Amino acid sequence: VLFRSRALSERPGGKPTLFEVSAHIEALMEKEKNMYPNADFFAASAYHQVGVPTDFFTPLFVVARTAGWCAHIQEQLVGNKIIRPSSAYNGPPKTEFVPMDRRSKL
């Protein structure tokens, strides 16, 4: 999708700045946070380049995943258990709740 998004931005009438901003954000997130985008990140840029209205992006993302979701449901029904991917939280440590009236004013 990355290459298609780039190609669309370079065609006549394309918007190369949109692709450049997306590529910059991708590189920045990789460098600063070691995070990588999913396929939808550049798909949004490609959709925009071909004139798909922004309101249609989410429905298109959903349609693209529906077959996979259905496959997971079928697997879960056959095995009679919910499939949960393993994960490890790597965010900031837990902090204590501070009521609103005790928080500092910004």
C-alpha atoms as a PDB file:
ATOM      1  CA  VAL A   1       0.000   0.000   0.000  1.00  0.00           C
ATOM      2  CA  LEU A   2       2.925   2.321   0.702  1.00  0.00           C
ATOM      3  CA  PHE A   3       4.200   2.025  -2.877  1.00  0.00           C
ATOM      4  CA  ARG A   4       0.724   2.466  -4.367  1.00  0.00           C
ATOM      5  CA  SER A   5       0.146   5.552  -2.231  1.00  0.00           C
ATOM      6  CA  ARG A   6       3.454   7.011  -3.420  1.00  0.00           C
ATOM      7  CA  ALA A   7       2.663   6.224  -7.064  1.00  0.00           C
ATOM      8  CA  LEU A   8      -0.761   7.850  -6.781  1.00  0.00           C
ATOM      9  CA  SER A   9       0.765  10.973  -5.257  1.00  0.00           C
ATOM     10  CA  GLU A  10       3.224  11.277  -8.158  1.00  0.00           C
ATOM     11  CA  ARG A  11       0.678  11.005 -10.954  1.00  0.00           C
ATOM     12  CA  PRO A  12      -0.712  14.134 -12.646  1.00  0.00           C
ATOM     13  CA  GLY A  13      -3.164  15.748 -10.236  1.00  0.00           C
ATOM     14  CA  GLY A  14      -1.722  13.785  -7.296  1.00  0.00           C
ATOM     15  CA  LYS A  15      -0.891  15.330  -3.946  1.00  0.00           C
ATOM     16  CA  PRO A  16       2.759  14.541  -3.189  1.00  0.00           C
ATOM     17  CA  THR A  17       2.696  16.621  -0.005  1.00  0.00           C
ATOM     18  CA  LEU A  18       0.116  14.272   1.527  1.00  0.00           C
ATOM     19  CA  PHE A  19       2.346  11.263   0.889  1.00  0.00           C
ATOM     20  CA  GLU A  20       5.454  13.119   2.115  1.00  0.00           C
ATOM     21  CA  VAL A  21       3.710  14.044   5.373  1.00  0.00           C
ATOM     22  CA  SER A  22       2.580  10.428   5.850  1.00  0.00           C
ATOM     23  CA  ALA A  23       6.099   9.119   5.172  1.00  0.00           C
ATOM     24  CA  HIS A  24       7.561  11.688   7.590  1.00  0.00           C
ATOM     25  CA  ILE A  25       5.106  10.704  10.340  1.00  0.00           C
ATOM     26  CA  GLU A  26       5.919   7.027   9.769  1.00  0.00           C
ATOM     27  CA  ALA A  27       9.674   7.680  10.062  1.00  0.00           C
ATOM     28  CA  LEU A  28       9.248   9.912  13.110  1.00  0.00           C
ATOM     29  CA  MET A  29       7.120   7.355  14.962  1.00  0.00           C
ATOM     30  CA  GLU A  30       9.634   4.613  14.159  1.00  0.00           C
ATOM     31  CA  LYS A  31      12.557   6.729  15.368  1.00  0.00           C
ATOM     32  CA  GLU A  32      10.952   8.285  18.445  1.00  0.00           C
ATOM     33  CA  LYS A  33       8.653   5.525  19.686  1.00  0.00           C
ATOM     34  CA  ASN A  34       9.716   2.394  17.784  1.00  0.00           C
ATOM     35  CA  MET A  35       6.144   2.144  16.471  1.00  0.00           C
ATOM     36  CA  TYR A  36       5.090   1.128  12.981  1.00  0.00           C
ATOM     37  CA  PRO A  37       1.829   1.911  11.182  1.00  0.00           C
ATOM     38  CA  ASN A  38      -0.657  -0.686  10.049  1.00  0.00           C
ATOM     39  CA  ALA A  39      -1.661  -0.982   6.389  1.00  0.00           C
ATOM     40  CA  ASP A  40      -4.535   1.459   6.866  1.00  0.00           C
ATOM     41  CA  PHE A  41      -2.143   4.331   7.486  1.00  0.00           C
ATOM     42  CA  PHE A  42      -1.036   4.520   3.858  1.00  0.00           C
ATOM     43  CA  ALA A  43      -4.365   3.164   2.581  1.00  0.00           C
ATOM     44  CA  ALA A  44      -5.976   6.378   3.825  1.00  0.00           C
ATOM     45  CA  SER A  45      -3.517   8.410   1.777  1.00  0.00           C
ATOM     46  CA  ALA A  46      -4.177   6.239  -1.293  1.00  0.00           C
ATOM     47  CA  TYR A  47      -7.949   6.533  -0.854  1.00  0.00           C
ATOM     48  CA  HIS A  48      -7.634  10.302  -0.653  1.00  0.00           C
ATOM     49  CA  GLN A  49      -5.450  10.412  -3.775  1.00  0.00           C
ATOM     50  CA  VAL A  50      -8.134   8.629  -5.820  1.00  0.00           C
ATOM     51  CA  GLY A  51     -10.946  10.817  -4.522  1.00  0.00           C
ATOM     52  CA  VAL A  52     -12.634   8.529  -1.981  1.00  0.00           C
ATOM     53  CA  PRO A  53     -14.544  10.749   0.475  1.00  0.00           C
ATOM     54  CA  THR A  54     -13.018  10.739   3.963  1.00  0.00           C
ATOM     55  CA  ASP A  55     -16.328   9.542   5.461  1.00  0.00           C
ATOM     56  CA  PHE A  56     -15.924   6.311   3.464  1.00  0.00           C
ATOM     57  CA  PHE A  57     -12.474   5.440   4.868  1.00  0.00           C
ATOM     58  CA  THR A  58     -13.736   3.626   7.967  1.00  0.00           C
ATOM     59  CA  PRO A  59     -16.364   1.571   6.101  1.00  0.00           C
ATOM     60  CA  LEU A  60     -13.691   0.552   3.569  1.00  0.00           C
ATOM     61  CA  PHE A  61     -11.338  -0.496   6.366  1.00  0.00           C
ATOM     62  CA  VAL A  62     -14.146  -2.555   7.916  1.00  0.00           C
ATOM     63  CA  VAL A  63     -15.076  -4.246   4.634  1.00  0.00           C
ATOM     64  CA  ALA A  64     -11.424  -5.193   4.117  1.00  0.00           C
ATOM     65  CA  ARG A  65     -11.336  -6.949   7.498  1.00  0.00           C
ATOM     66  CA  THR A  66     -14.749  -8.613   7.478  1.00  0.00           C
ATOM     67  CA  ALA A  67     -13.541 -11.915   5.985  1.00  0.00           C
ATOM     68  CA  GLY A  68     -10.838 -12.193   8.646  1.00  0.00           C
ATOM     69  CA  TRP A  69     -13.263 -11.386  11.441  1.00  0.00           C
ATOM     70  CA  CYS A  70     -15.679 -14.031  10.150  1.00  0.00           C
ATOM     71  CA  ALA A  71     -12.850 -16.583   9.972  1.00  0.00           C
ATOM     72  CA  HIS A  72     -11.913 -15.842  13.596  1.00  0.00           C
ATOM     73  CA  ILE A  73     -15.528 -16.284  14.700  1.00  0.00           C
ATOM     74  CA  GLN A  74     -15.717 -19.641  12.941  1.00  0.00           C
ATOM     75  CA  GLU A  75     -12.447 -20.771  14.554  1.00  0.00           C
ATOM     76  CA  GLN A  76     -13.703 -19.732  17.960  1.00  0.00           C
ATOM     77  CA  LEU A  77     -17.014 -21.532  17.503  1.00  0.00           C
ATOM     78  CA  VAL A  78     -15.285 -24.753  16.427  1.00  0.00           C
ATOM     79  CA  GLY A  79     -12.877 -24.649  19.368  1.00  0.00           C
ATOM     80  CA  ASN A  80     -15.616 -23.430  21.767  1.00  0.00           C
ATOM     81  CA  LYS A  81     -13.294 -20.796  23.204  1.00  0.00           C
ATOM     82  CA  ILE A  82     -12.408 -17.174  22.604  1.00  0.00           C
ATOM     83  CA  ILE A  83      -9.039 -16.741  20.955  1.00  0.00           C
ATOM     84  CA  ARG A  84      -7.082 -14.014  22.678  1.00  0.00           C
ATOM     85  CA  PRO A  85      -3.643 -13.024  21.421  1.00  0.00           C
ATOM     86  CA  SER A  86      -1.006 -12.851  24.115  1.00  0.00           C
ATOM     87  CA  SER A  87       0.389  -9.428  24.846  1.00  0.00           C
ATOM     88  CA  ALA A  88       2.547  -7.654  27.345  1.00  0.00           C
ATOM     89  CA  TYR A  89       1.805  -4.090  28.453  1.00  0.00           C
ATOM     90  CA  ASN A  90       4.810  -1.837  27.883  1.00  0.00           C
ATOM     91  CA  GLY A  91       3.333   1.561  28.726  1.00  0.00           C
ATOM     92  CA  PRO A  92       4.022   3.828  31.686  1.00  0.00           C
ATOM     93  CA  PRO A  93       3.685   2.406  35.195  1.00  0.00           C
ATOM     94  CA  LYS A  94       0.367   2.604  36.998  1.00  0.00           C
ATOM     95  CA  THR A  95      -0.242   5.941  38.699  1.00  0.00           C
ATOM     96  CA  GLU A  96      -2.559   6.835  41.523  1.00  0.00           C
ATOM     97  CA  PHE A  97      -5.871   8.496  40.718  1.00  0.00           C
ATOM     98  CA  VAL A  98      -5.986  12.193  41.629  1.00  0.00           C
ATOM     99  CA  PRO A  99      -9.466  13.722  42.052  1.00  0.00           C
ATOM    100  CA  MET A 100     -10.210  16.727  39.846  1.00  0.00           C
ATOM    101  CA  ASP A 101     -10.220  19.233  42.725  1.00  0.00           C
ATOM    102  CA  ARG A 102      -6.694  18.154  43.742  1.00  0.00           C
ATOM    103  CA  ARG A 103      -5.144  18.364  40.280  1.00  0.00           C
ATOM    104  CA  SER A 104      -2.925  21.231  39.258  1.00  0.00           C
ATOM    105  CA  LYS A 105      -4.336  23.867  36.953  1.00  0.00           C
ATOM    106  CA  LEU A 106      -2.549  24.054  33.607  1.00  0.00           C
END
